[in-house]
Amino acid sequence: MEELNSKKYNYKIFPNLNLSLEAFTGSFNLSEMIENRTKLYTDKEFSLDLNLISDFNDAIITYLINDLRTYLTNAKKAKFLNKRKTAIIVSSVNQHVYATEIAKVSKELEIPIEFKLFSNLTDAIDWLGLSSNNQNIIKEVEKMRKKLKEDNSN
């Protein structure tokens, strides 16, 4: 189980659950997103087959949809996108719009990732078929959120 923490991004990998968790906080642009995802993708525990829970609850997304399209096109060419599920947790209208666009652009580009939006973590965990690990996953995400908030208050 690997983890990374920066001031705006945190991830944890659970190979035994076929799962990566990531949490974002604060305002971030596309280059910051790419930098953080690169850390995740190059982690020795990471596999392109891992399902992903992306928690955007505390995030403010500042990049444009066209930038996202370019990023996804390049990621597809680089073969960073495998068949898997990605649950996106959102709490604001802005986040919902971006997450919907991620799913829409991914479908247009024939990216093999199945995206689904959720307003709560429990439903995302259930969708990924990990209900038996529900409390452990929720606890980990809460720890990640807390750590990011603490890091940003210092």
N, C-alpha and C. Protein backbone atom coordinates (compact mmCIF):
# COMPACT_ATOMS: atom_id res chain seq x y z
N MET A 1 0.85 -1.16 0.00
CA MET A 1 0.00 0.00 0.00
C MET A 1 0.90 1.23 0.00
N GLU A 2 0.95 1.91 -1.13
CA GLU A 2 1.78 3.11 -1.28
C GLU A 2 0.91 4.34 -1.13
N GLU A 3 1.54 5.45 -0.70
CA GLU A 3 0.80 6.70 -0.64
C GLU A 3 1.74 7.86 -0.88
N LEU A 4 1.19 8.95 -1.33
CA LEU A 4 1.93 10.19 -1.55
C LEU A 4 1.07 11.31 -1.01
N ASN A 5 1.72 12.34 -0.53
CA ASN A 5 0.96 13.51 -0.12
C ASN A 5 1.69 14.75 -0.57
N SER A 6 0.99 15.64 -1.21
CA SER A 6 1.50 16.97 -1.51
C SER A 6 0.47 17.93 -0.93
N LYS A 7 0.66 19.21 -1.09
CA LYS A 7 -0.28 20.17 -0.50
C LYS A 7 -1.67 20.14 -1.14
N LYS A 8 -1.76 19.70 -2.40
CA LYS A 8 -3.05 19.72 -3.10
C LYS A 8 -3.55 18.34 -3.51
N TYR A 9 -2.71 17.34 -3.37
CA TYR A 9 -3.04 16.02 -3.92
C TYR A 9 -2.50 14.93 -3.01
N ASN A 10 -3.27 13.89 -2.90
CA ASN A 10 -2.87 12.75 -2.10
C ASN A 10 -3.41 11.50 -2.78
N TYR A 11 -2.63 10.45 -2.79
CA TYR A 11 -3.15 9.19 -3.31
C TYR A 11 -2.68 8.03 -2.45
N LYS A 12 -3.41 6.95 -2.58
CA LYS A 12 -3.06 5.71 -1.90
C LYS A 12 -3.46 4.56 -2.80
N ILE A 13 -2.61 3.56 -2.88
CA ILE A 13 -2.85 2.40 -3.74
C ILE A 13 -3.09 1.16 -2.87
N PHE A 14 -4.13 0.42 -3.22
CA PHE A 14 -4.47 -0.83 -2.55
C PHE A 14 -4.49 -1.95 -3.60
N PRO A 15 -3.33 -2.54 -3.90
CA PRO A 15 -3.30 -3.58 -4.93
C PRO A 15 -4.23 -4.76 -4.64
N ASN A 16 -4.37 -5.10 -3.35
CA ASN A 16 -5.22 -6.23 -2.97
C ASN A 16 -6.71 -5.97 -3.26
N LEU A 17 -7.09 -4.70 -3.36
CA LEU A 17 -8.47 -4.33 -3.69
C LEU A 17 -8.62 -3.91 -5.15
N ASN A 18 -7.52 -3.94 -5.89
CA ASN A 18 -7.51 -3.45 -7.28
C ASN A 18 -8.01 -2.01 -7.33
N LEU A 19 -7.45 -1.16 -6.43
CA LEU A 19 -7.98 0.18 -6.24
C LEU A 19 -6.89 1.20 -5.96
N SER A 20 -7.07 2.37 -6.59
CA SER A 20 -6.30 3.57 -6.23
C SER A 20 -7.30 4.60 -5.74
N LEU A 21 -6.92 5.29 -4.67
CA LEU A 21 -7.71 6.42 -4.17
C LEU A 21 -6.90 7.67 -4.41
N GLU A 22 -7.58 8.75 -4.79
CA GLU A 22 -6.90 10.03 -4.89
C GLU A 22 -7.83 11.12 -4.40
N ALA A 23 -7.24 12.15 -3.78
CA ALA A 23 -8.01 13.29 -3.29
C ALA A 23 -7.31 14.56 -3.71
N PHE A 24 -8.10 15.53 -4.12
CA PHE A 24 -7.60 16.84 -4.54
C PHE A 24 -8.18 17.89 -3.60
N THR A 25 -7.42 18.96 -3.39
CA THR A 25 -7.93 20.07 -2.60
C THR A 25 -7.43 21.38 -3.18
N GLY A 26 -8.19 22.43 -2.95
CA GLY A 26 -7.78 23.74 -3.43
C GLY A 26 -7.90 23.88 -4.93
N SER A 27 -7.37 24.98 -5.41
CA SER A 27 -7.41 25.30 -6.83
C SER A 27 -6.25 24.62 -7.55
N PHE A 28 -6.53 23.99 -8.69
CA PHE A 28 -5.44 23.39 -9.45
C PHE A 28 -5.74 23.47 -10.94
N ASN A 29 -4.65 23.58 -11.70
CA ASN A 29 -4.77 23.66 -13.15
C ASN A 29 -4.37 22.32 -13.78
N LEU A 30 -4.42 22.27 -15.08
CA LEU A 30 -4.16 21.00 -15.76
C LEU A 30 -2.72 20.53 -15.58
N SER A 31 -1.76 21.44 -15.61
CA SER A 31 -0.36 20.99 -15.45
C SER A 31 -0.14 20.39 -14.07
N GLU A 32 -0.80 20.94 -13.05
CA GLU A 32 -0.70 20.35 -11.70
C GLU A 32 -1.37 18.97 -11.67
N MET A 33 -2.49 18.85 -12.36
CA MET A 33 -3.18 17.57 -12.44
C MET A 33 -2.28 16.52 -13.10
N ILE A 34 -1.64 16.90 -14.20
CA ILE A 34 -0.76 15.98 -14.92
C ILE A 34 0.43 15.60 -14.04
N GLU A 35 1.00 16.58 -13.36
CA GLU A 35 2.14 16.30 -12.47
C GLU A 35 1.76 15.30 -11.38
N ASN A 36 0.59 15.50 -10.79
CA ASN A 36 0.14 14.59 -9.74
C ASN A 36 -0.18 13.20 -10.29
N ARG A 37 -0.86 13.16 -11.42
CA ARG A 37 -1.17 11.86 -12.03
C ARG A 37 0.10 11.12 -12.43
N THR A 38 1.12 11.84 -12.87
CA THR A 38 2.39 11.22 -13.23
C THR A 38 2.99 10.52 -12.01
N LYS A 39 2.88 11.14 -10.84
CA LYS A 39 3.37 10.51 -9.61
C LYS A 39 2.62 9.21 -9.35
N LEU A 40 1.33 9.24 -9.53
CA LEU A 40 0.52 8.04 -9.34
C LEU A 40 0.91 6.97 -10.35
N TYR A 41 0.95 7.33 -11.63
CA TYR A 41 1.21 6.36 -12.71
C TYR A 41 2.60 5.76 -12.65
N THR A 42 3.55 6.46 -12.05
CA THR A 42 4.92 5.93 -11.98
C THR A 42 5.21 5.24 -10.66
N ASP A 43 4.24 5.20 -9.77
CA ASP A 43 4.41 4.49 -8.50
C ASP A 43 4.57 3.00 -8.79
N LYS A 44 5.49 2.36 -8.10
CA LYS A 44 5.77 0.93 -8.35
C LYS A 44 4.57 0.02 -8.08
N GLU A 45 3.64 0.47 -7.24
CA GLU A 45 2.44 -0.31 -6.93
C GLU A 45 1.31 -0.11 -7.95
N PHE A 46 1.45 0.92 -8.79
CA PHE A 46 0.37 1.27 -9.70
C PHE A 46 0.29 0.29 -10.87
N SER A 47 -0.93 0.02 -11.28
CA SER A 47 -1.21 -0.77 -12.47
C SER A 47 -2.32 -0.06 -13.24
N LEU A 48 -2.24 -0.10 -14.56
CA LEU A 48 -3.27 0.55 -15.38
C LEU A 48 -4.63 -0.13 -15.23
N ASP A 49 -4.65 -1.31 -14.64
CA ASP A 49 -5.91 -2.03 -14.46
C ASP A 49 -6.63 -1.68 -13.16
N LEU A 50 -5.98 -0.91 -12.28
CA LEU A 50 -6.61 -0.55 -11.01
C LEU A 50 -7.81 0.37 -11.23
N ASN A 51 -8.89 0.08 -10.54
CA ASN A 51 -10.01 1.01 -10.53
C ASN A 51 -9.59 2.22 -9.70
N LEU A 52 -10.31 3.32 -9.88
CA LEU A 52 -9.90 4.57 -9.26
C LEU A 52 -11.10 5.29 -8.65
N ILE A 53 -10.89 5.81 -7.44
CA ILE A 53 -11.84 6.74 -6.84
C ILE A 53 -11.13 8.08 -6.78
N SER A 54 -11.68 9.06 -7.49
CA SER A 54 -11.13 10.42 -7.51
C SER A 54 -12.06 11.32 -6.71
N ASP A 55 -11.54 11.84 -5.61
CA ASP A 55 -12.33 12.69 -4.72
C ASP A 55 -12.01 14.16 -5.01
N PHE A 56 -12.97 14.84 -5.64
CA PHE A 56 -12.83 16.25 -5.97
C PHE A 56 -13.64 17.15 -5.03
N ASN A 57 -14.15 16.60 -3.92
CA ASN A 57 -15.02 17.37 -3.02
C ASN A 57 -14.44 18.71 -2.60
N ASP A 58 -13.15 18.76 -2.34
CA ASP A 58 -12.53 19.98 -1.83
C ASP A 58 -11.70 20.69 -2.90
N ALA A 59 -11.96 20.39 -4.17
CA ALA A 59 -11.14 20.92 -5.26
C ALA A 59 -11.85 22.03 -6.03
N ILE A 60 -11.03 22.91 -6.57
CA ILE A 60 -11.51 23.95 -7.49
C ILE A 60 -10.74 23.74 -8.79
N ILE A 61 -11.43 23.33 -9.81
CA ILE A 61 -10.80 23.00 -11.09
C ILE A 61 -10.71 24.27 -11.93
N THR A 62 -9.51 24.58 -12.42
CA THR A 62 -9.32 25.83 -13.15
C THR A 62 -8.92 25.64 -14.61
N TYR A 63 -8.86 24.40 -15.08
CA TYR A 63 -8.46 24.21 -16.48
C TYR A 63 -9.67 24.15 -17.40
N LEU A 64 -9.40 24.36 -18.68
CA LEU A 64 -10.46 24.40 -19.69
C LEU A 64 -10.74 23.01 -20.25
N ILE A 65 -11.93 22.81 -20.72
CA ILE A 65 -12.32 21.52 -21.29
C ILE A 65 -11.43 21.17 -22.48
N ASN A 66 -11.06 22.15 -23.31
CA ASN A 66 -10.17 21.86 -24.44
C ASN A 66 -8.81 21.36 -23.98
N ASP A 67 -8.32 21.89 -22.85
CA ASP A 67 -7.07 21.39 -22.27
C ASP A 67 -7.24 19.94 -21.84
N LEU A 68 -8.38 19.63 -21.27
CA LEU A 68 -8.68 18.27 -20.85
C LEU A 68 -8.69 17.34 -22.06
N ARG A 69 -9.29 17.77 -23.14
CA ARG A 69 -9.35 16.96 -24.37
C ARG A 69 -7.93 16.65 -24.86
N THR A 70 -7.06 17.65 -24.85
CA THR A 70 -5.66 17.46 -25.28
C THR A 70 -4.96 16.47 -24.36
N TYR A 71 -5.15 16.63 -23.05
CA TYR A 71 -4.54 15.72 -22.07
C TYR A 71 -4.99 14.28 -22.31
N LEU A 72 -6.30 14.07 -22.46
CA LEU A 72 -6.82 12.71 -22.66
C LEU A 72 -6.36 12.12 -24.00
N THR A 73 -6.29 12.93 -25.03
CA THR A 73 -5.79 12.46 -26.33
C THR A 73 -4.34 11.99 -26.19
N ASN A 74 -3.52 12.78 -25.52
CA ASN A 74 -2.12 12.41 -25.33
C ASN A 74 -1.96 11.19 -24.43
N ALA A 75 -2.79 11.10 -23.39
CA ALA A 75 -2.73 9.94 -22.49
C ALA A 75 -3.13 8.67 -23.24
N LYS A 76 -4.10 8.78 -24.12
CA LYS A 76 -4.52 7.62 -24.91
C LYS A 76 -3.39 7.18 -25.84
N LYS A 77 -2.75 8.13 -26.51
CA LYS A 77 -1.63 7.81 -27.40
C LYS A 77 -0.48 7.15 -26.63
N ALA A 78 -0.26 7.61 -25.40
CA ALA A 78 0.82 7.07 -24.58
C ALA A 78 0.43 5.76 -23.90
N LYS A 79 -0.79 5.31 -24.15
CA LYS A 79 -1.31 4.06 -23.59
C LYS A 79 -1.34 4.06 -22.06
N PHE A 80 -1.72 5.22 -21.47
CA PHE A 80 -1.88 5.33 -20.03
C PHE A 80 -3.31 5.01 -19.60
N LEU A 81 -4.15 4.65 -20.54
CA LEU A 81 -5.56 4.46 -20.23
C LEU A 81 -5.99 3.04 -20.59
N ASN A 82 -6.28 2.25 -19.60
CA ASN A 82 -6.70 0.87 -19.77
C ASN A 82 -8.17 0.74 -19.37
N LYS A 83 -8.74 -0.40 -19.69
CA LYS A 83 -10.13 -0.67 -19.29
C LYS A 83 -10.19 -0.78 -17.77
N ARG A 84 -10.95 0.11 -17.16
CA ARG A 84 -11.15 0.11 -15.72
C ARG A 84 -12.33 1.03 -15.40
N LYS A 85 -12.66 1.09 -14.13
CA LYS A 85 -13.73 1.98 -13.67
C LYS A 85 -13.12 3.13 -12.88
N THR A 86 -13.69 4.31 -13.07
CA THR A 86 -13.29 5.47 -12.30
C THR A 86 -14.54 6.13 -11.71
N ALA A 87 -14.58 6.16 -10.39
CA ALA A 87 -15.67 6.82 -9.67
C ALA A 87 -15.19 8.22 -9.30
N ILE A 88 -15.95 9.22 -9.68
CA ILE A 88 -15.58 10.61 -9.42
C ILE A 88 -16.55 11.18 -8.39
N ILE A 89 -15.99 11.62 -7.26
CA ILE A 89 -16.80 12.17 -6.17
C ILE A 89 -16.79 13.69 -6.30
N VAL A 90 -17.98 14.28 -6.41
CA VAL A 90 -18.09 15.73 -6.57
C VAL A 90 -19.13 16.28 -5.59
N SER A 91 -18.98 17.59 -5.29
CA SER A 91 -19.94 18.21 -4.38
C SER A 91 -20.48 19.54 -4.90
N SER A 92 -19.85 20.10 -5.94
CA SER A 92 -20.31 21.39 -6.44
C SER A 92 -20.73 21.30 -7.90
N VAL A 93 -21.44 22.29 -8.35
CA VAL A 93 -21.87 22.35 -9.75
C VAL A 93 -20.65 22.39 -10.68
N ASN A 94 -19.65 23.21 -10.33
CA ASN A 94 -18.43 23.31 -11.12
C ASN A 94 -17.77 21.94 -11.29
N GLN A 95 -17.61 21.22 -10.21
CA GLN A 95 -17.00 19.89 -10.25
C GLN A 95 -17.84 18.94 -11.09
N HIS A 96 -19.14 19.01 -10.94
CA HIS A 96 -20.04 18.14 -11.69
C HIS A 96 -19.90 18.38 -13.18
N VAL A 97 -19.83 19.65 -13.58
CA VAL A 97 -19.67 19.99 -15.00
C VAL A 97 -18.38 19.41 -15.55
N TYR A 98 -17.27 19.60 -14.83
CA TYR A 98 -15.99 19.07 -15.30
C TYR A 98 -16.00 17.55 -15.36
N ALA A 99 -16.52 16.92 -14.32
CA ALA A 99 -16.56 15.45 -14.30
C ALA A 99 -17.43 14.91 -15.43
N THR A 100 -18.54 15.57 -15.69
CA THR A 100 -19.40 15.16 -16.81
C THR A 100 -18.66 15.31 -18.13
N GLU A 101 -17.91 16.37 -18.27
CA GLU A 101 -17.13 16.59 -19.49
C GLU A 101 -16.03 15.54 -19.64
N ILE A 102 -15.40 15.15 -18.54
CA ILE A 102 -14.39 14.09 -18.59
C ILE A 102 -15.01 12.83 -19.18
N ALA A 103 -16.17 12.46 -18.68
CA ALA A 103 -16.85 11.26 -19.17
C ALA A 103 -17.24 11.41 -20.64
N LYS A 104 -17.75 12.58 -21.00
CA LYS A 104 -18.18 12.83 -22.38
C LYS A 104 -17.00 12.79 -23.36
N VAL A 105 -15.93 13.50 -23.03
CA VAL A 105 -14.75 13.53 -23.90
C VAL A 105 -14.13 12.14 -23.99
N SER A 106 -14.09 11.43 -22.89
CA SER A 106 -13.53 10.07 -22.90
C SER A 106 -14.31 9.16 -23.82
N LYS A 107 -15.62 9.30 -23.80
CA LYS A 107 -16.46 8.49 -24.69
C LYS A 107 -16.20 8.85 -26.15
N GLU A 108 -16.12 10.15 -26.44
CA GLU A 108 -15.83 10.61 -27.82
C GLU A 108 -14.49 10.08 -28.32
N LEU A 109 -13.50 10.03 -27.44
CA LEU A 109 -12.15 9.59 -27.81
C LEU A 109 -12.00 8.06 -27.73
N GLU A 110 -13.09 7.39 -27.37
CA GLU A 110 -13.10 5.93 -27.24
C GLU A 110 -12.07 5.45 -26.22
N ILE A 111 -12.00 6.15 -25.12
CA ILE A 111 -11.14 5.75 -24.01
C ILE A 111 -11.87 4.67 -23.23
N PRO A 112 -11.19 3.57 -22.93
CA PRO A 112 -11.88 2.40 -22.37
C PRO A 112 -12.22 2.47 -20.89
N ILE A 113 -12.15 3.65 -20.30
CA ILE A 113 -12.46 3.81 -18.88
C ILE A 113 -13.94 4.12 -18.71
N GLU A 114 -14.58 3.41 -17.79
CA GLU A 114 -15.98 3.67 -17.48
C GLU A 114 -16.02 4.66 -16.31
N PHE A 115 -16.56 5.86 -16.57
CA PHE A 115 -16.65 6.91 -15.56
C PHE A 115 -18.06 6.98 -15.01
N LYS A 116 -18.15 7.28 -13.71
CA LYS A 116 -19.45 7.53 -13.12
C LYS A 116 -19.28 8.55 -12.01
N LEU A 117 -20.24 9.49 -11.94
CA LEU A 117 -20.21 10.55 -10.93
C LEU A 117 -21.02 10.15 -9.71
N PHE A 118 -20.51 10.57 -8.55
CA PHE A 118 -21.19 10.29 -7.30
C PHE A 118 -21.11 11.51 -6.39
N SER A 119 -22.12 11.67 -5.56
CA SER A 119 -22.10 12.74 -4.57
C SER A 119 -21.65 12.21 -3.22
N ASN A 120 -21.50 10.89 -3.11
CA ASN A 120 -21.01 10.33 -1.84
C ASN A 120 -20.13 9.11 -2.10
N LEU A 121 -19.26 8.87 -1.17
CA LEU A 121 -18.26 7.82 -1.28
C LEU A 121 -18.86 6.42 -1.21
N THR A 122 -19.87 6.24 -0.38
CA THR A 122 -20.47 4.91 -0.21
C THR A 122 -21.02 4.37 -1.53
N ASP A 123 -21.73 5.20 -2.28
CA ASP A 123 -22.27 4.75 -3.56
C ASP A 123 -21.16 4.41 -4.55
N ALA A 124 -20.07 5.18 -4.53
CA ALA A 124 -18.94 4.90 -5.41
C ALA A 124 -18.31 3.56 -5.07
N ILE A 125 -18.13 3.30 -3.79
CA ILE A 125 -17.55 2.04 -3.34
C ILE A 125 -18.44 0.87 -3.76
N ASP A 126 -19.74 1.02 -3.57
CA ASP A 126 -20.68 -0.03 -3.98
C ASP A 126 -20.59 -0.29 -5.49
N TRP A 127 -20.53 0.77 -6.29
CA TRP A 127 -20.45 0.64 -7.75
C TRP A 127 -19.20 -0.12 -8.17
N LEU A 128 -18.11 0.05 -7.42
CA LEU A 128 -16.88 -0.65 -7.73
C LEU A 128 -16.86 -2.08 -7.19
N GLY A 129 -17.94 -2.47 -6.51
CA GLY A 129 -18.03 -3.83 -5.98
C GLY A 129 -17.17 -4.06 -4.76
N LEU A 130 -16.92 -3.01 -3.99
CA LEU A 130 -16.05 -3.11 -2.82
C LEU A 130 -16.79 -2.88 -1.51
N SER A 131 -18.08 -3.20 -1.49
CA SER A 131 -18.92 -2.94 -0.31
C SER A 131 -18.36 -3.57 0.96
N SER A 132 -17.74 -4.73 0.83
CA SER A 132 -17.23 -5.40 2.03
C SER A 132 -16.06 -4.64 2.66
N ASN A 133 -15.44 -3.73 1.90
CA ASN A 133 -14.34 -2.92 2.41
C ASN A 133 -14.75 -1.47 2.64
N ASN A 134 -16.04 -1.23 2.64
CA ASN A 134 -16.60 0.12 2.70
C ASN A 134 -15.98 0.98 3.81
N GLN A 135 -16.02 0.52 5.04
CA GLN A 135 -15.56 1.34 6.17
C GLN A 135 -14.07 1.65 6.09
N ASN A 136 -13.27 0.68 5.66
CA ASN A 136 -11.82 0.90 5.54
C ASN A 136 -11.52 1.96 4.48
N ILE A 137 -12.21 1.89 3.35
CA ILE A 137 -11.98 2.85 2.27
C ILE A 137 -12.42 4.25 2.71
N ILE A 138 -13.59 4.34 3.32
CA ILE A 138 -14.08 5.63 3.81
C ILE A 138 -13.10 6.23 4.81
N LYS A 139 -12.59 5.41 5.71
CA LYS A 139 -11.62 5.87 6.70
C LYS A 139 -10.35 6.42 6.02
N GLU A 140 -9.88 5.72 4.99
CA GLU A 140 -8.68 6.17 4.28
C GLU A 140 -8.91 7.50 3.57
N VAL A 141 -10.06 7.64 2.92
CA VAL A 141 -10.35 8.90 2.22
C VAL A 141 -10.48 10.04 3.23
N GLU A 142 -11.12 9.79 4.36
CA GLU A 142 -11.24 10.82 5.39
C GLU A 142 -9.87 11.23 5.91
N LYS A 143 -8.96 10.26 6.09
CA LYS A 143 -7.59 10.57 6.52
C LYS A 143 -6.87 11.41 5.47
N MET A 144 -7.06 11.07 4.20
CA MET A 144 -6.43 11.83 3.12
C MET A 144 -6.94 13.26 3.10
N ARG A 145 -8.26 13.43 3.20
CA ARG A 145 -8.85 14.78 3.23
C ARG A 145 -8.33 15.59 4.41
N LYS A 146 -8.30 14.96 5.59
CA LYS A 146 -7.83 15.63 6.79
C LYS A 146 -6.38 16.07 6.63
N LYS A 147 -5.53 15.20 6.11
CA LYS A 147 -4.12 15.51 5.93
C LYS A 147 -3.95 16.68 4.96
N LEU A 148 -4.70 16.68 3.87
CA LEU A 148 -4.61 17.78 2.91
C LEU A 148 -5.04 19.10 3.55
N LYS A 149 -6.12 19.07 4.34
CA LYS A 149 -6.59 20.28 5.01
C LYS A 149 -5.55 20.78 6.01
N GLU A 150 -4.96 19.87 6.77
CA GLU A 150 -3.92 20.26 7.73
C GLU A 150 -2.72 20.87 7.01
N ASP A 151 -2.28 20.24 5.93
CA ASP A 151 -1.14 20.74 5.17
C ASP A 151 -1.39 22.12 4.59
N ASN A 152 -2.63 22.38 4.23
CA ASN A 152 -2.96 23.67 3.63
C ASN A 152 -3.28 24.75 4.65
N SER A 153 -3.43 24.37 5.90
CA SER A 153 -3.68 25.37 6.94
C SER A 153 -2.36 25.86 7.55
N ASN A 154 -1.28 25.17 7.26
CA ASN A 154 0.05 25.56 7.81
C ASN A 154 0.74 26.57 6.93
